[in-house]
PDB file of N, CA and C in Angstrom:
ATOM      1  N   MET A   1      15.766  17.626 -14.826  1.00  0.00           N
ATOM      2  CA  MET A   1      14.768  16.753 -14.231  1.00  0.00           C
ATOM      3  C   MET A   1      13.397  17.425 -14.314  1.00  0.00           C
ATOM      4  N   GLN A   2      12.421  16.669 -14.746  1.00  0.00           N
ATOM      5  CA  GLN A   2      11.065  17.178 -14.863  1.00  0.00           C
ATOM      6  C   GLN A   2      10.258  16.829 -13.614  1.00  0.00           C
ATOM      7  N   ALA A   3       9.550  17.808 -13.089  1.00  0.00           N
ATOM      8  CA  ALA A   3       8.683  17.569 -11.929  1.00  0.00           C
ATOM      9  C   ALA A   3       7.397  16.899 -12.393  1.00  0.00           C
ATOM     10  N   LYS A   4       6.978  15.853 -11.684  1.00  0.00           N
ATOM     11  CA  LYS A   4       5.754  15.130 -12.034  1.00  0.00           C
ATOM     12  C   LYS A   4       5.058  14.699 -10.749  1.00  0.00           C
ATOM     13  N   ILE A   5       3.762  14.903 -10.712  1.00  0.00           N
ATOM     14  CA  ILE A   5       2.942  14.471  -9.579  1.00  0.00           C
ATOM     15  C   ILE A   5       1.819  13.587 -10.123  1.00  0.00           C
ATOM     16  N   TRP A   6       1.630  12.445  -9.489  1.00  0.00           N
ATOM     17  CA  TRP A   6       0.518  11.561  -9.817  1.00  0.00           C
ATOM     18  C   TRP A   6      -0.539  11.738  -8.743  1.00  0.00           C
ATOM     19  N   ASN A   7      -1.792  11.831  -9.157  1.00  0.00           N
ATOM     20  CA  ASN A   7      -2.908  12.052  -8.233  1.00  0.00           C
ATOM     21  C   ASN A   7      -3.937  10.948  -8.375  1.00  0.00           C
ATOM     22  N   TYR A   8      -4.465  10.548  -7.243  1.00  0.00           N
ATOM     23  CA  TYR A   8      -5.494   9.512  -7.200  1.00  0.00           C
ATOM     24  C   TYR A   8      -6.525   9.922  -6.163  1.00  0.00           C
ATOM     25  N   SER A   9      -7.789   9.798  -6.514  1.00  0.00           N
ATOM     26  CA  SER A   9      -8.857  10.049  -5.545  1.00  0.00           C
ATOM     27  C   SER A   9      -9.980   9.049  -5.773  1.00  0.00           C
ATOM     28  N   GLU A  10     -10.690   8.767  -4.692  1.00  0.00           N
ATOM     29  CA  GLU A  10     -11.752   7.764  -4.763  1.00  0.00           C
ATOM     30  C   GLU A  10     -12.649   7.910  -3.529  1.00  0.00           C
ATOM     31  N   TRP A  11     -13.876   7.466  -3.659  1.00  0.00           N
ATOM     32  CA  TRP A  11     -14.792   7.348  -2.524  1.00  0.00           C
ATOM     33  C   TRP A  11     -14.743   5.908  -2.052  1.00  0.00           C
ATOM     34  N   ILE A  12     -14.636   5.717  -0.737  1.00  0.00           N
ATOM     35  CA  ILE A  12     -14.677   4.378  -0.151  1.00  0.00           C
ATOM     36  C   ILE A  12     -15.827   4.326   0.852  1.00  0.00           C
ATOM     37  N   GLN A  13     -16.185   3.119   1.272  1.00  0.00           N
ATOM     38  CA  GLN A  13     -17.328   2.937   2.169  1.00  0.00           C
ATOM     39  C   GLN A  13     -16.969   3.032   3.649  1.00  0.00           C
ATOM     40  N   GLU A  14     -15.713   2.787   4.016  1.00  0.00           N
ATOM     41  CA  GLU A  14     -15.313   2.802   5.426  1.00  0.00           C
ATOM     42  C   GLU A  14     -15.349   4.228   5.979  1.00  0.00           C
ATOM     43  N   THR A  15     -15.988   4.405   7.153  1.00  0.00           N
ATOM     44  CA  THR A  15     -16.021   5.729   7.787  1.00  0.00           C
ATOM     45  C   THR A  15     -15.491   5.700   9.223  1.00  0.00           C
ATOM     46  N   ASN A  16     -15.101   4.545   9.710  1.00  0.00           N
ATOM     47  CA  ASN A  16     -14.590   4.425  11.079  1.00  0.00           C
ATOM     48  C   ASN A  16     -13.156   4.964  11.124  1.00  0.00           C
ATOM     49  N   PRO A  17     -12.909   6.044  11.895  1.00  0.00           N
ATOM     50  CA  PRO A  17     -11.570   6.653  11.922  1.00  0.00           C
ATOM     51  C   PRO A  17     -10.446   5.691  12.318  1.00  0.00           C
ATOM     52  N   GLN A  18     -10.689   4.806  13.285  1.00  0.00           N
ATOM     53  CA  GLN A  18      -9.648   3.870  13.709  1.00  0.00           C
ATOM     54  C   GLN A  18      -9.293   2.891  12.592  1.00  0.00           C
ATOM     55  N   LYS A  19     -10.303   2.380  11.919  1.00  0.00           N
ATOM     56  CA  LYS A  19     -10.053   1.454  10.808  1.00  0.00           C
ATOM     57  C   LYS A  19      -9.358   2.158   9.657  1.00  0.00           C
ATOM     58  N   ILE A  20      -9.789   3.371   9.355  1.00  0.00           N
ATOM     59  CA  ILE A  20      -9.162   4.146   8.287  1.00  0.00           C
ATOM     60  C   ILE A  20      -7.687   4.369   8.590  1.00  0.00           C
ATOM     61  N   ARG A  21      -7.386   4.795   9.807  1.00  0.00           N
ATOM     62  CA  ARG A  21      -5.991   5.060  10.194  1.00  0.00           C
ATOM     63  C   ARG A  21      -5.158   3.799  10.049  1.00  0.00           C
ATOM     64  N   GLN A  22      -5.659   2.693  10.564  1.00  0.00           N
ATOM     65  CA  GLN A  22      -4.922   1.428  10.512  1.00  0.00           C
ATOM     66  C   GLN A  22      -4.704   0.975   9.066  1.00  0.00           C
ATOM     67  N   GLN A  23      -5.764   0.982   8.267  1.00  0.00           N
ATOM     68  CA  GLN A  23      -5.668   0.516   6.880  1.00  0.00           C
ATOM     69  C   GLN A  23      -4.673   1.335   6.065  1.00  0.00           C
ATOM     70  N   PHE A  24      -4.738   2.648   6.211  1.00  0.00           N
ATOM     71  CA  PHE A  24      -3.894   3.477   5.358  1.00  0.00           C
ATOM     72  C   PHE A  24      -2.479   3.647   5.899  1.00  0.00           C
ATOM     73  N   ASP A  25      -2.276   3.569   7.208  1.00  0.00           N
ATOM     74  CA  ASP A  25      -0.909   3.500   7.736  1.00  0.00           C
ATOM     75  C   ASP A  25      -0.207   2.293   7.116  1.00  0.00           C
ATOM     76  N   GLU A  26      -0.907   1.172   7.131  1.00  0.00           N
ATOM     77  CA  GLU A  26      -0.346  -0.074   6.610  1.00  0.00           C
ATOM     78  C   GLU A  26      -0.125   0.001   5.094  1.00  0.00           C
ATOM     79  N   ALA A  27      -1.123   0.458   4.357  1.00  0.00           N
ATOM     80  CA  ALA A  27      -1.012   0.516   2.891  1.00  0.00           C
ATOM     81  C   ALA A  27       0.098   1.473   2.448  1.00  0.00           C
ATOM     82  N   LEU A  28       0.183   2.635   3.081  1.00  0.00           N
ATOM     83  CA  LEU A  28       1.233   3.593   2.713  1.00  0.00           C
ATOM     84  C   LEU A  28       2.616   3.010   2.990  1.00  0.00           C
ATOM     85  N   GLY A  29       2.781   2.368   4.138  1.00  0.00           N
ATOM     86  CA  GLY A  29       4.065   1.753   4.476  1.00  0.00           C
ATOM     87  C   GLY A  29       4.440   0.627   3.528  1.00  0.00           C
ATOM     88  N   LYS A  30       3.490  -0.263   3.245  1.00  0.00           N
ATOM     89  CA  LYS A  30       3.753  -1.376   2.332  1.00  0.00           C
ATOM     90  C   LYS A  30       4.089  -0.887   0.928  1.00  0.00           C
ATOM     91  N   ALA A  31       3.485   0.223   0.517  1.00  0.00           N
ATOM     92  CA  ALA A  31       3.744   0.770  -0.817  1.00  0.00           C
ATOM     93  C   ALA A  31       5.131   1.399  -0.903  1.00  0.00           C
ATOM     94  N   GLY A  32       5.741   1.690   0.248  1.00  0.00           N
ATOM     95  CA  GLY A  32       7.080   2.255   0.257  1.00  0.00           C
ATOM     96  C   GLY A  32       7.157   3.712   0.669  1.00  0.00           C
ATOM     97  N   PHE A  33       6.000   4.338   0.915  1.00  0.00           N
ATOM     98  CA  PHE A  33       6.005   5.749   1.294  1.00  0.00           C
ATOM     99  C   PHE A  33       6.641   5.949   2.666  1.00  0.00           C
ATOM    100  N   ASN A  34       7.269   7.091   2.836  1.00  0.00           N
ATOM    101  CA  ASN A  34       7.885   7.485   4.095  1.00  0.00           C
ATOM    102  C   ASN A  34       6.997   8.529   4.756  1.00  0.00           C
ATOM    103  N   ILE A  35       6.402   8.175   5.892  1.00  0.00           N
ATOM    104  CA  ILE A  35       5.500   9.083   6.597  1.00  0.00           C
ATOM    105  C   ILE A  35       6.327  10.023   7.470  1.00  0.00           C
ATOM    106  N   LEU A  36       6.244  11.306   7.165  1.00  0.00           N
ATOM    107  CA  LEU A  36       6.949  12.321   7.950  1.00  0.00           C
ATOM    108  C   LEU A  36       6.142  12.761   9.161  1.00  0.00           C
ATOM    109  N   CYS A  37       4.811  12.863   8.968  1.00  0.00           N
ATOM    110  CA  CYS A  37       3.949  13.386  10.014  1.00  0.00           C
ATOM    111  C   CYS A  37       2.516  12.927   9.749  1.00  0.00           C
ATOM    112  N   PHE A  38       1.766  12.760  10.817  1.00  0.00           N
ATOM    113  CA  PHE A  38       0.348  12.426  10.709  1.00  0.00           C
ATOM    114  C   PHE A  38      -0.421  13.385  11.610  1.00  0.00           C
ATOM    115  N   THR A  39      -1.528  13.890  11.110  1.00  0.00           N
ATOM    116  CA  THR A  39      -2.404  14.716  11.939  1.00  0.00           C
ATOM    117  C   THR A  39      -3.846  14.403  11.570  1.00  0.00           C
ATOM    118  N   ASP A  40      -4.734  14.530  12.544  1.00  0.00           N
ATOM    119  CA  ASP A  40      -6.141  14.270  12.270  1.00  0.00           C
ATOM    120  C   ASP A  40      -7.022  15.139  13.156  1.00  0.00           C
ATOM    121  N   HIS A  41      -8.296  15.180  12.788  1.00  0.00           N
ATOM    122  CA  HIS A  41      -9.266  15.967  13.552  1.00  0.00           C
ATOM    123  C   HIS A  41     -10.625  15.271  13.497  1.00  0.00           C
ATOM    124  N   HIS A  42     -11.245  15.137  14.675  1.00  0.00           N
ATOM    125  CA  HIS A  42     -12.593  14.588  14.792  1.00  0.00           C
ATOM    126  C   HIS A  42     -13.553  15.766  14.938  1.00  0.00           C
ATOM    127  N   PHE A  43     -14.512  15.857  14.044  1.00  0.00           N
ATOM    128  CA  PHE A  43     -15.488  16.939  14.080  1.00  0.00           C
ATOM    129  C   PHE A  43     -16.666  16.542  14.953  1.00  0.00           C
ATOM    130  N   SER A  44     -17.317  17.538  15.537  1.00  0.00           N
ATOM    131  CA  SER A  44     -18.503  17.309  16.350  1.00  0.00           C
ATOM    132  C   SER A  44     -19.715  17.845  15.592  1.00  0.00           C
ATOM    133  N   PRO A  45     -20.753  17.083  15.430  1.00  0.00           N
ATOM    134  CA  PRO A  45     -21.050  15.810  16.068  1.00  0.00           C
ATOM    135  C   PRO A  45     -20.493  14.607  15.310  1.00  0.00           C
ATOM    136  N   GLN A  46     -20.043  14.790  14.085  1.00  0.00           N
ATOM    137  CA  GLN A  46     -19.511  13.657  13.312  1.00  0.00           C
ATOM    138  C   GLN A  46     -18.574  14.164  12.243  1.00  0.00           C
ATOM    139  N   GLY A  47     -17.776  13.246  11.729  1.00  0.00           N
ATOM    140  CA  GLY A  47     -16.840  13.565  10.661  1.00  0.00           C
ATOM    141  C   GLY A  47     -15.401  13.474  11.135  1.00  0.00           C
ATOM    142  N   TYR A  48     -14.542  13.199  10.206  1.00  0.00           N
ATOM    143  CA  TYR A  48     -13.127  12.969  10.515  1.00  0.00           C
ATOM    144  C   TYR A  48     -12.308  13.351   9.296  1.00  0.00           C
ATOM    145  N   THR A  49     -11.199  14.038   9.541  1.00  0.00           N
ATOM    146  CA  THR A  49     -10.245  14.388   8.491  1.00  0.00           C
ATOM    147  C   THR A  49      -8.864  13.996   8.983  1.00  0.00           C
ATOM    148  N   ALA A  50      -8.063  13.411   8.095  1.00  0.00           N
ATOM    149  CA  ALA A  50      -6.695  13.028   8.455  1.00  0.00           C
ATOM    150  C   ALA A  50      -5.760  13.335   7.296  1.00  0.00           C
ATOM    151  N   LEU A  51      -4.521  13.647   7.650  1.00  0.00           N
ATOM    152  CA  LEU A  51      -3.500  13.960   6.648  1.00  0.00           C
ATOM    153  C   LEU A  51      -2.200  13.272   7.015  1.00  0.00           C
ATOM    154  N   TRP A  52      -1.654  12.537   6.060  1.00  0.00           N
ATOM    155  CA  TRP A  52      -0.340  11.943   6.190  1.00  0.00           C
ATOM    156  C   TRP A  52       0.599  12.778   5.318  1.00  0.00           C
ATOM    157  N   LEU A  53       1.565  13.426   5.929  1.00  0.00           N
ATOM    158  CA  LEU A  53       2.584  14.145   5.177  1.00  0.00           C
ATOM    159  C   LEU A  53       3.669  13.136   4.832  1.00  0.00           C
ATOM    160  N   LEU A  54       3.917  12.978   3.555  1.00  0.00           N
ATOM    161  CA  LEU A  54       4.870  11.975   3.073  1.00  0.00           C
ATOM    162  C   LEU A  54       6.107  12.649   2.496  1.00  0.00           C
ATOM    163  N   THR A  55       7.223  11.971   2.535  1.00  0.00           N
ATOM    164  CA  THR A  55       8.412  12.481   1.863  1.00  0.00           C
ATOM    165  C   THR A  55       8.101  12.698   0.385  1.00  0.00           C
ATOM    166  N   GLU A  56       7.218  11.866  -0.130  1.00  0.00           N
ATOM    167  CA  GLU A  56       6.875  11.875  -1.551  1.00  0.00           C
ATOM    168  C   GLU A  56       5.598  12.670  -1.852  1.00  0.00           C
ATOM    169  N   SER A  57       5.061  13.410  -0.938  1.00  0.00           N
ATOM    170  CA  SER A  57       3.919  14.322  -1.060  1.00  0.00           C
ATOM    171  C   SER A  57       2.943  14.114   0.090  1.00  0.00           C
ATOM    172  N   HIS A  58       1.650  13.734  -0.189  1.00  0.00           N
ATOM    173  CA  HIS A  58       0.694  13.621   0.912  1.00  0.00           C
ATOM    174  C   HIS A  58      -0.476  12.701   0.566  1.00  0.00           C
ATOM    175  N   PHE A  59      -1.167  12.271   1.631  1.00  0.00           N
ATOM    176  CA  PHE A  59      -2.375  11.461   1.514  1.00  0.00           C
ATOM    177  C   PHE A  59      -3.393  12.032   2.498  1.00  0.00           C
ATOM    178  N   ALA A  60      -4.638  12.183   2.064  1.00  0.00           N
ATOM    179  CA  ALA A  60      -5.672  12.772   2.922  1.00  0.00           C
ATOM    180  C   ALA A  60      -6.966  11.957   2.843  1.00  0.00           C
ATOM    181  N   VAL A  61      -7.713  11.970   3.960  1.00  0.00           N
ATOM    182  CA  VAL A  61      -9.042  11.356   4.006  1.00  0.00           C
ATOM    183  C   VAL A  61     -10.016  12.327   4.657  1.00  0.00           C
ATOM    184  N   HIS A  62     -11.242  12.289   4.174  1.00  0.00           N
ATOM    185  CA  HIS A  62     -12.312  13.118   4.726  1.00  0.00           C
ATOM    186  C   HIS A  62     -13.563  12.255   4.783  1.00  0.00           C
ATOM    187  N   THR A  63     -14.071  11.979   6.002  1.00  0.00           N
ATOM    188  CA  THR A  63     -15.256  11.129   6.119  1.00  0.00           C
ATOM    189  C   THR A  63     -16.533  11.955   6.047  1.00  0.00           C
ATOM    190  N   PHE A  64     -17.555  11.311   5.537  1.00  0.00           N
ATOM    191  CA  PHE A  64     -18.911  11.857   5.490  1.00  0.00           C
ATOM    192  C   PHE A  64     -19.831  10.757   6.015  1.00  0.00           C
ATOM    193  N   PRO A  65     -19.792  10.509   7.348  1.00  0.00           N
ATOM    194  CA  PRO A  65     -20.550   9.389   7.902  1.00  0.00           C
ATOM    195  C   PRO A  65     -22.049   9.495   7.664  1.00  0.00           C
ATOM    196  N   GLU A  66     -22.561  10.722   7.553  1.00  0.00           N
ATOM    197  CA  GLU A  66     -23.991  10.882   7.295  1.00  0.00           C
ATOM    198  C   GLU A  66     -24.395  10.332   5.924  1.00  0.00           C
ATOM    199  N   PHE A  67     -23.407  10.161   5.028  1.00  0.00           N
ATOM    200  CA  PHE A  67     -23.648   9.575   3.710  1.00  0.00           C
ATOM    201  C   PHE A  67     -23.005   8.195   3.576  1.00  0.00           C
ATOM    202  N   GLY A  68     -22.330   7.730   4.635  1.00  0.00           N
ATOM    203  CA  GLY A  68     -21.712   6.402   4.625  1.00  0.00           C
ATOM    204  C   GLY A  68     -20.536   6.273   3.689  1.00  0.00           C
ATOM    205  N   LYS A  69     -19.742   7.357   3.537  1.00  0.00           N
ATOM    206  CA  LYS A  69     -18.603   7.263   2.643  1.00  0.00           C
ATOM    207  C   LYS A  69     -17.474   8.196   3.076  1.00  0.00           C
ATOM    208  N   THR A  70     -16.306   7.918   2.521  1.00  0.00           N
ATOM    209  CA  THR A  70     -15.087   8.669   2.813  1.00  0.00           C
ATOM    210  C   THR A  70     -14.366   8.969   1.502  1.00  0.00           C
ATOM    211  N   TYR A  71     -13.894  10.195   1.384  1.00  0.00           N
ATOM    212  CA  TYR A  71     -13.118  10.615   0.217  1.00  0.00           C
ATOM    213  C   TYR A  71     -11.643  10.459   0.553  1.00  0.00           C
ATOM    214  N   ILE A  72     -10.896   9.772  -0.307  1.00  0.00           N
ATOM    215  CA  ILE A  72      -9.451   9.636  -0.119  1.00  0.00           C
ATOM    216  C   ILE A  72      -8.742  10.273  -1.302  1.00  0.00           C
ATOM    217  N   GLU A  73      -7.545  10.817  -1.032  1.00  0.00           N
ATOM    218  CA  GLU A  73      -6.781  11.472  -2.091  1.00  0.00           C
ATOM    219  C   GLU A  73      -5.283  11.315  -1.820  1.00  0.00           C
ATOM    220  N   LEU A  74      -4.567  10.851  -2.833  1.00  0.00           N
ATOM    221  CA  LEU A  74      -3.121  10.691  -2.763  1.00  0.00           C
ATOM    222  C   LEU A  74      -2.477  11.543  -3.840  1.00  0.00           C
ATOM    223  N   SER A  75      -1.453  12.281  -3.480  1.00  0.00           N
ATOM    224  CA  SER A  75      -0.583  12.966  -4.436  1.00  0.00           C
ATOM    225  C   SER A  75       0.812  12.433  -4.188  1.00  0.00           C
ATOM    226  N   SER A  76       1.497  12.036  -5.265  1.00  0.00           N
ATOM    227  CA  SER A  76       2.810  11.419  -5.118  1.00  0.00           C
ATOM    228  C   SER A  76       3.727  11.789  -6.271  1.00  0.00           C
ATOM    229  N   CYS A  77       4.991  12.019  -5.932  1.00  0.00           N
ATOM    230  CA  CYS A  77       5.997  12.262  -6.966  1.00  0.00           C
ATOM    231  C   CYS A  77       6.788  10.990  -7.263  1.00  0.00           C
ATOM    232  N   ASN A  78       6.421   9.870  -6.634  1.00  0.00           N
ATOM    233  CA  ASN A  78       7.105   8.599  -6.847  1.00  0.00           C
ATOM    234  C   ASN A  78       6.142   7.622  -7.521  1.00  0.00           C
ATOM    235  N   LEU A  79       6.348   7.383  -8.797  1.00  0.00           N
ATOM    236  CA  LEU A  79       5.440   6.539  -9.576  1.00  0.00           C
ATOM    237  C   LEU A  79       5.399   5.106  -9.046  1.00  0.00           C
ATOM    238  N   GLU A  80       6.537   4.558  -8.669  1.00  0.00           N
ATOM    239  CA  GLU A  80       6.582   3.176  -8.180  1.00  0.00           C
ATOM    240  C   GLU A  80       5.732   3.016  -6.912  1.00  0.00           C
ATOM    241  N   PHE A  81       5.903   3.901  -5.943  1.00  0.00           N
ATOM    242  CA  PHE A  81       5.132   3.832  -4.699  1.00  0.00           C
ATOM    243  C   PHE A  81       3.650   4.067  -4.977  1.00  0.00           C
ATOM    244  N   TYR A  82       3.367   5.019  -5.856  1.00  0.00           N
ATOM    245  CA  TYR A  82       1.995   5.356  -6.247  1.00  0.00           C
ATOM    246  C   TYR A  82       1.281   4.126  -6.815  1.00  0.00           C
ATOM    247  N   GLN A  83       1.923   3.452  -7.761  1.00  0.00           N
ATOM    248  CA  GLN A  83       1.314   2.276  -8.391  1.00  0.00           C
ATOM    249  C   GLN A  83       1.118   1.142  -7.388  1.00  0.00           C
ATOM    250  N   GLU A  84       2.070   0.966  -6.479  1.00  0.00           N
ATOM    251  CA  GLU A  84       1.939  -0.073  -5.452  1.00  0.00           C
ATOM    252  C   GLU A  84       0.790   0.257  -4.504  1.00  0.00           C
ATOM    253  N   PHE A  85       0.644   1.515  -4.139  1.00  0.00           N
ATOM    254  CA  PHE A  85      -0.460   1.925  -3.277  1.00  0.00           C
ATOM    255  C   PHE A  85      -1.799   1.633  -3.962  1.00  0.00           C
ATOM    256  N   LEU A  86      -1.924   1.959  -5.241  1.00  0.00           N
ATOM    257  CA  LEU A  86      -3.168   1.677  -5.965  1.00  0.00           C
ATOM    258  C   LEU A  86      -3.478   0.191  -5.959  1.00  0.00           C
ATOM    259  N   LYS A  87      -2.468  -0.626  -6.158  1.00  0.00           N
ATOM    260  CA  LYS A  87      -2.655  -2.077  -6.126  1.00  0.00           C
ATOM    261  C   LYS A  87      -3.143  -2.518  -4.747  1.00  0.00           C
ATOM    262  N   LEU A  88      -2.525  -1.997  -3.707  1.00  0.00           N
ATOM    263  CA  LEU A  88      -2.898  -2.375  -2.339  1.00  0.00           C
ATOM    264  C   LEU A  88      -4.304  -1.905  -1.963  1.00  0.00           C
ATOM    265  N   THR A  89      -4.705  -0.742  -2.419  1.00  0.00           N
ATOM    266  CA  THR A  89      -6.038  -0.235  -2.061  1.00  0.00           C
ATOM    267  C   THR A  89      -7.141  -1.037  -2.760  1.00  0.00           C
ATOM    268  N   LYS A  90      -6.828  -1.671  -3.850  1.00  0.00           N
ATOM    269  CA  LYS A  90      -7.822  -2.522  -4.516  1.00  0.00           C
ATOM    270  C   LYS A  90      -8.138  -3.735  -3.647  1.00  0.00           C
ATOM    271  N   GLU A  91      -7.180  -4.100  -2.769  1.00  0.00           N
ATOM    272  CA  GLU A  91      -7.346  -5.267  -1.887  1.00  0.00           C
ATOM    273  C   GLU A  91      -8.076  -4.922  -0.589  1.00  0.00           C
ATOM    274  N   LEU A  92      -8.291  -3.632  -0.310  1.00  0.00           N
ATOM    275  CA  LEU A  92      -8.957  -3.234   0.939  1.00  0.00           C
ATOM    276  C   LEU A  92     -10.454  -3.487   0.891  1.00  0.00           C
TER     277      LEU A  92
END
């Protein structure tokens, strides 16, 4: 068996931590990913970082509210879930 990881990263406009959490909890679940653990941190005076540990790897977000954008990154060893997640994020 060959090990393979698919990676996706993008800048998005949403910087609200609650909306980000809700959107990506839903998108990861709909895509088929299994969330093992979630952790996040709110920086002072601004900024937010979150990590979803997945059975199939991980998903992370880092907000830059001072620039009005958020960096998202997915690493996945499951091509089917990965492709479904990409499809779902196009709808966000």
